[in-house]
Amino acid sequence: MSKSEANNKLLKVKLALAEKCDRLIQTMTSVPKRKKLTNQAARFRRQAADLARR
């Protein structure tokens, strides 16, 4: 597997994790848990953006 293929695969995983966090936010009623998931989703999106630049 080449480095670009590995980066593309990791990019897809990070975006999928961000989408999963977004789905979980809709089911949470606890404000701290929602805040935590929002931050995690933002972190995964930042990581995906960094990978896309490579």
PDB file of N, CA and C in Angstrom:
ATOM      1  N   MET A   1       0.858  -1.174   0.000  1.00  0.00           N
ATOM      2  CA  MET A   1       0.000   0.000   0.000  1.00  0.00           C
ATOM      3  C   MET A   1       0.905   1.237   0.000  1.00  0.00           C
ATOM      4  N   SER A   2       0.653   2.125  -0.936  1.00  0.00           N
ATOM      5  CA  SER A   2       1.466   3.333  -1.007  1.00  0.00           C
ATOM      6  C   SER A   2       1.041   4.322   0.069  1.00  0.00           C
ATOM      7  N   LYS A   3       1.877   5.324   0.266  1.00  0.00           N
ATOM      8  CA  LYS A   3       1.603   6.317   1.309  1.00  0.00           C
ATOM      9  C   LYS A   3       0.333   7.107   1.003  1.00  0.00           C
ATOM     10  N   SER A   4       0.094   7.416  -0.269  1.00  0.00           N
ATOM     11  CA  SER A   4      -1.112   8.175  -0.618  1.00  0.00           C
ATOM     12  C   SER A   4      -2.377   7.340  -0.398  1.00  0.00           C
ATOM     13  N   GLU A   5      -2.291   6.041  -0.677  1.00  0.00           N
ATOM     14  CA  GLU A   5      -3.441   5.167  -0.422  1.00  0.00           C
ATOM     15  C   GLU A   5      -3.730   5.078   1.069  1.00  0.00           C
ATOM     16  N   ALA A   6      -2.670   4.996   1.868  1.00  0.00           N
ATOM     17  CA  ALA A   6      -2.839   4.933   3.321  1.00  0.00           C
ATOM     18  C   ALA A   6      -3.450   6.232   3.841  1.00  0.00           C
ATOM     19  N   ASN A   7      -3.000   7.363   3.300  1.00  0.00           N
ATOM     20  CA  ASN A   7      -3.555   8.657   3.716  1.00  0.00           C
ATOM     21  C   ASN A   7      -5.029   8.766   3.340  1.00  0.00           C
ATOM     22  N   ASN A   8      -5.380   8.304   2.143  1.00  0.00           N
ATOM     23  CA  ASN A   8      -6.782   8.354   1.712  1.00  0.00           C
ATOM     24  C   ASN A   8      -7.665   7.482   2.598  1.00  0.00           C
ATOM     25  N   LYS A   9      -7.151   6.316   2.955  1.00  0.00           N
ATOM     26  CA  LYS A   9      -7.911   5.413   3.822  1.00  0.00           C
ATOM     27  C   LYS A   9      -8.105   6.040   5.201  1.00  0.00           C
ATOM     28  N   LEU A  10      -7.049   6.634   5.740  1.00  0.00           N
ATOM     29  CA  LEU A  10      -7.127   7.285   7.043  1.00  0.00           C
ATOM     30  C   LEU A  10      -8.058   8.491   6.996  1.00  0.00           C
ATOM     31  N   LEU A  11      -8.043   9.218   5.884  1.00  0.00           N
ATOM     32  CA  LEU A  11      -8.938  10.363   5.704  1.00  0.00           C
ATOM     33  C   LEU A  11     -10.401   9.918   5.763  1.00  0.00           C
ATOM     34  N   LYS A  12     -10.713   8.822   5.093  1.00  0.00           N
ATOM     35  CA  LYS A  12     -12.086   8.303   5.114  1.00  0.00           C
ATOM     36  C   LYS A  12     -12.501   7.884   6.520  1.00  0.00           C
ATOM     37  N   VAL A  13     -11.574   7.277   7.253  1.00  0.00           N
ATOM     38  CA  VAL A  13     -11.871   6.843   8.622  1.00  0.00           C
ATOM     39  C   VAL A  13     -12.149   8.046   9.511  1.00  0.00           C
ATOM     40  N   LYS A  14     -11.327   9.082   9.400  1.00  0.00           N
ATOM     41  CA  LYS A  14     -11.513  10.278  10.229  1.00  0.00           C
ATOM     42  C   LYS A  14     -12.857  10.943   9.933  1.00  0.00           C
ATOM     43  N   LEU A  15     -13.231  11.025   8.668  1.00  0.00           N
ATOM     44  CA  LEU A  15     -14.520  11.622   8.319  1.00  0.00           C
ATOM     45  C   LEU A  15     -15.680  10.757   8.804  1.00  0.00           C
ATOM     46  N   ALA A  16     -15.513   9.444   8.740  1.00  0.00           N
ATOM     47  CA  ALA A  16     -16.560   8.549   9.240  1.00  0.00           C
ATOM     48  C   ALA A  16     -16.727   8.700  10.748  1.00  0.00           C
ATOM     49  N   LEU A  17     -15.623   8.860  11.464  1.00  0.00           N
ATOM     50  CA  LEU A  17     -15.705   9.061  12.913  1.00  0.00           C
ATOM     51  C   LEU A  17     -16.386  10.387  13.248  1.00  0.00           C
ATOM     52  N   ALA A  18     -16.107  11.418  12.461  1.00  0.00           N
ATOM     53  CA  ALA A  18     -16.760  12.711  12.685  1.00  0.00           C
ATOM     54  C   ALA A  18     -18.265  12.592  12.453  1.00  0.00           C
ATOM     55  N   GLU A  19     -18.661  11.871  11.419  1.00  0.00           N
ATOM     56  CA  GLU A  19     -20.090  11.667  11.153  1.00  0.00           C
ATOM     57  C   GLU A  19     -20.748  10.859  12.272  1.00  0.00           C
ATOM     58  N   LYS A  20     -20.031   9.867  12.790  1.00  0.00           N
ATOM     59  CA  LYS A  20     -20.558   9.066  13.894  1.00  0.00           C
ATOM     60  C   LYS A  20     -20.797   9.947  15.117  1.00  0.00           C
ATOM     61  N   CYS A  21     -19.845  10.824  15.416  1.00  0.00           N
ATOM     62  CA  CYS A  21     -20.013  11.741  16.553  1.00  0.00           C
ATOM     63  C   CYS A  21     -21.223  12.639  16.332  1.00  0.00           C
ATOM     64  N   ASP A  22     -21.405  13.111  15.114  1.00  0.00           N
ATOM     65  CA  ASP A  22     -22.561  13.963  14.815  1.00  0.00           C
ATOM     66  C   ASP A  22     -23.875  13.219  15.037  1.00  0.00           C
ATOM     67  N   ARG A  23     -23.911  11.950  14.647  1.00  0.00           N
ATOM     68  CA  ARG A  23     -25.126  11.154  14.873  1.00  0.00           C
ATOM     69  C   ARG A  23     -25.376  10.949  16.358  1.00  0.00           C
ATOM     70  N   LEU A  24     -24.317  10.692  17.117  1.00  0.00           N
ATOM     71  CA  LEU A  24     -24.467  10.473  18.553  1.00  0.00           C
ATOM     72  C   LEU A  24     -24.910  11.739  19.280  1.00  0.00           C
ATOM     73  N   ILE A  25     -24.498  12.896  18.782  1.00  0.00           N
ATOM     74  CA  ILE A  25     -24.891  14.162  19.401  1.00  0.00           C
ATOM     75  C   ILE A  25     -26.408  14.295  19.398  1.00  0.00           C
ATOM     76  N   GLN A  26     -27.045  13.811  18.351  1.00  0.00           N
ATOM     77  CA  GLN A  26     -28.496  13.923  18.234  1.00  0.00           C
ATOM     78  C   GLN A  26     -29.229  13.094  19.285  1.00  0.00           C
ATOM     79  N   THR A  27     -28.585  12.045  19.793  1.00  0.00           N
ATOM     80  CA  THR A  27     -29.248  11.179  20.764  1.00  0.00           C
ATOM     81  C   THR A  27     -28.937  11.553  22.206  1.00  0.00           C
ATOM     82  N   MET A  28     -27.901  12.355  22.416  1.00  0.00           N
ATOM     83  CA  MET A  28     -27.482  12.704  23.775  1.00  0.00           C
ATOM     84  C   MET A  28     -28.375  13.785  24.369  1.00  0.00           C
ATOM     85  N   THR A  29     -28.676  13.628  25.638  1.00  0.00           N
ATOM     86  CA  THR A  29     -29.409  14.679  26.351  1.00  0.00           C
ATOM     87  C   THR A  29     -28.499  15.398  27.334  1.00  0.00           C
ATOM     88  N   SER A  30     -27.395  14.779  27.692  1.00  0.00           N
ATOM     89  CA  SER A  30     -26.446  15.372  28.624  1.00  0.00           C
ATOM     90  C   SER A  30     -25.623  16.444  27.906  1.00  0.00           C
ATOM     91  N   VAL A  31     -25.622  17.643  28.461  1.00  0.00           N
ATOM     92  CA  VAL A  31     -24.888  18.749  27.836  1.00  0.00           C
ATOM     93  C   VAL A  31     -23.382  18.479  27.819  1.00  0.00           C
ATOM     94  N   PRO A  32     -22.769  17.990  28.908  1.00  0.00           N
ATOM     95  CA  PRO A  32     -21.333  17.715  28.853  1.00  0.00           C
ATOM     96  C   PRO A  32     -20.958  16.664  27.803  1.00  0.00           C
ATOM     97  N   LYS A  33     -21.780  15.626  27.667  1.00  0.00           N
ATOM     98  CA  LYS A  33     -21.491  14.601  26.658  1.00  0.00           C
ATOM     99  C   LYS A  33     -21.622  15.175  25.254  1.00  0.00           C
ATOM    100  N   ARG A  34     -22.629  16.028  25.044  1.00  0.00           N
ATOM    101  CA  ARG A  34     -22.802  16.659  23.729  1.00  0.00           C
ATOM    102  C   ARG A  34     -21.598  17.534  23.404  1.00  0.00           C
ATOM    103  N   LYS A  35     -21.131  18.269  24.408  1.00  0.00           N
ATOM    104  CA  LYS A  35     -19.980  19.154  24.214  1.00  0.00           C
ATOM    105  C   LYS A  35     -18.732  18.340  23.871  1.00  0.00           C
ATOM    106  N   LYS A  36     -18.552  17.228  24.588  1.00  0.00           N
ATOM    107  CA  LYS A  36     -17.403  16.358  24.345  1.00  0.00           C
ATOM    108  C   LYS A  36     -17.443  15.802  22.923  1.00  0.00           C
ATOM    109  N   LEU A  37     -18.609  15.326  22.497  1.00  0.00           N
ATOM    110  CA  LEU A  37     -18.737  14.768  21.152  1.00  0.00           C
ATOM    111  C   LEU A  37     -18.559  15.836  20.079  1.00  0.00           C
ATOM    112  N   THR A  38     -19.032  17.052  20.354  1.00  0.00           N
ATOM    113  CA  THR A  38     -18.841  18.148  19.405  1.00  0.00           C
ATOM    114  C   THR A  38     -17.358  18.432  19.219  1.00  0.00           C
ATOM    115  N   ASN A  39     -16.622  18.450  20.332  1.00  0.00           N
ATOM    116  CA  ASN A  39     -15.180  18.686  20.259  1.00  0.00           C
ATOM    117  C   ASN A  39     -14.467  17.550  19.539  1.00  0.00           C
ATOM    118  N   GLN A  40     -14.892  16.314  19.794  1.00  0.00           N
ATOM    119  CA  GLN A  40     -14.279  15.175  19.117  1.00  0.00           C
ATOM    120  C   GLN A  40     -14.522  15.233  17.613  1.00  0.00           C
ATOM    121  N   ALA A  41     -15.743  15.577  17.219  1.00  0.00           N
ATOM    122  CA  ALA A  41     -16.063  15.671  15.793  1.00  0.00           C
ATOM    123  C   ALA A  41     -15.211  16.750  15.130  1.00  0.00           C
ATOM    124  N   ALA A  42     -15.057  17.879  15.816  1.00  0.00           N
ATOM    125  CA  ALA A  42     -14.230  18.960  15.270  1.00  0.00           C
ATOM    126  C   ALA A  42     -12.774  18.511  15.150  1.00  0.00           C
ATOM    127  N   ARG A  43     -12.294  17.759  16.135  1.00  0.00           N
ATOM    128  CA  ARG A  43     -10.917  17.270  16.101  1.00  0.00           C
ATOM    129  C   ARG A  43     -10.719  16.318  14.926  1.00  0.00           C
ATOM    130  N   PHE A  44     -11.674  15.403  14.719  1.00  0.00           N
ATOM    131  CA  PHE A  44     -11.564  14.465  13.598  1.00  0.00           C
ATOM    132  C   PHE A  44     -11.586  15.207  12.263  1.00  0.00           C
ATOM    133  N   ARG A  45     -12.402  16.249  12.158  1.00  0.00           N
ATOM    134  CA  ARG A  45     -12.452  17.025  10.909  1.00  0.00           C
ATOM    135  C   ARG A  45     -11.144  17.783  10.673  1.00  0.00           C
ATOM    136  N   ARG A  46     -10.550  18.315  11.748  1.00  0.00           N
ATOM    137  CA  ARG A  46      -9.249  18.989  11.612  1.00  0.00           C
ATOM    138  C   ARG A  46      -8.186  18.001  11.158  1.00  0.00           C
ATOM    139  N   GLN A  47      -8.188  16.811  11.737  1.00  0.00           N
ATOM    140  CA  GLN A  47      -7.220  15.791  11.350  1.00  0.00           C
ATOM    141  C   GLN A  47      -7.419  15.388   9.892  1.00  0.00           C
ATOM    142  N   ALA A  48      -8.662  15.282   9.455  1.00  0.00           N
ATOM    143  CA  ALA A  48      -8.945  14.931   8.062  1.00  0.00           C
ATOM    144  C   ALA A  48      -8.473  16.044   7.129  1.00  0.00           C
ATOM    145  N   ALA A  49      -8.667  17.290   7.540  1.00  0.00           N
ATOM    146  CA  ALA A  49      -8.213  18.412   6.715  1.00  0.00           C
ATOM    147  C   ALA A  49      -6.691  18.407   6.598  1.00  0.00           C
ATOM    148  N   ASP A  50      -6.004  18.091   7.685  1.00  0.00           N
ATOM    149  CA  ASP A  50      -4.541  18.010   7.642  1.00  0.00           C
ATOM    150  C   ASP A  50      -4.084  16.892   6.712  1.00  0.00           C
ATOM    151  N   LEU A  51      -4.775  15.766   6.757  1.00  0.00           N
ATOM    152  CA  LEU A  51      -4.419  14.654   5.875  1.00  0.00           C
ATOM    153  C   LEU A  51      -4.692  14.995   4.416  1.00  0.00           C
ATOM    154  N   ALA A  52      -5.744  15.755   4.164  1.00  0.00           N
ATOM    155  CA  ALA A  52      -6.093  16.110   2.786  1.00  0.00           C
ATOM    156  C   ALA A  52      -5.037  17.027   2.176  1.00  0.00           C
ATOM    157  N   ARG A  53      -4.377  17.813   3.013  1.00  0.00           N
ATOM    158  CA  ARG A  53      -3.342  18.720   2.506  1.00  0.00           C
ATOM    159  C   ARG A  53      -2.075  17.987   2.112  1.00  0.00           C
ATOM    160  N   ARG A  54      -1.871  16.786   2.627  1.00  0.00           N
ATOM    161  CA  ARG A  54      -0.638  16.037   2.332  1.00  0.00           C
ATOM    162  C   ARG A  54      -0.659  15.453   0.958  1.00  0.00           C
TER     163      ARG A  54
END
